Amino acid sequence: MRIGLIDVGGVPPAVDDMVFLIGKECGMGLRELRKRSNITLEQLSALTGYDMPRLSRYETVDDDARNMFLGTAASLARILHCNVLDLYPDEHVWRGGVSAGVVGLRNIRLFRGLTQTQLAGMSGVARPNISWFETGYRPVSQMYLRTALRLSEALQCDPVDFLTEGY
């Protein structure tokens, strides 16, 4: 059994294990990250401009946290000094966080040499949705966190790199 980067069974962790799960702290969720930063819900609301009932739902309802917009997650992560994927409520998910070196979903996809169809197959995100985000028909800042997770895992990058609005 592996806990973080320490292998309890005596075998060093593989690189995939380090990328896949970098410890319990990585799946903390909003409430734990907020408490770790010694910020009250009221203070977080004042700092972000998001209302307290919405922030409370992100803390207590896992589906609401998974469906948080990427722009919202980026704002919260900046204040809490964490990666946006740390706000994802499930512990055992990919938590990449490595910058792609380029900005924008389309640029990252092209840099990786992928078509929209290939990325759709790798990520499970429908090709039309990828097209909408790339063309601006739907703002990337309104991409659900669960979609950002799937695309960032397929592209092996930090989902904040998808944002071009200066987050």
Foldseek 3Di string as FASTA:
>chain_A
DDAAQDDPVPDGDDPVVNQQARHPQLQQADVRLCVVVVHDLVRLCVQQVDDSVLSVCLRPPLVSVQQQFQLSLVSSCVVSVHASSSNRNDRGGGDQAAAQPAAALVVLCVVVVHDLVVLCVQQVPDSVVSVCCRVVVDPSRNGGNNSLRSSCVSSRHRSCSNHPPPD
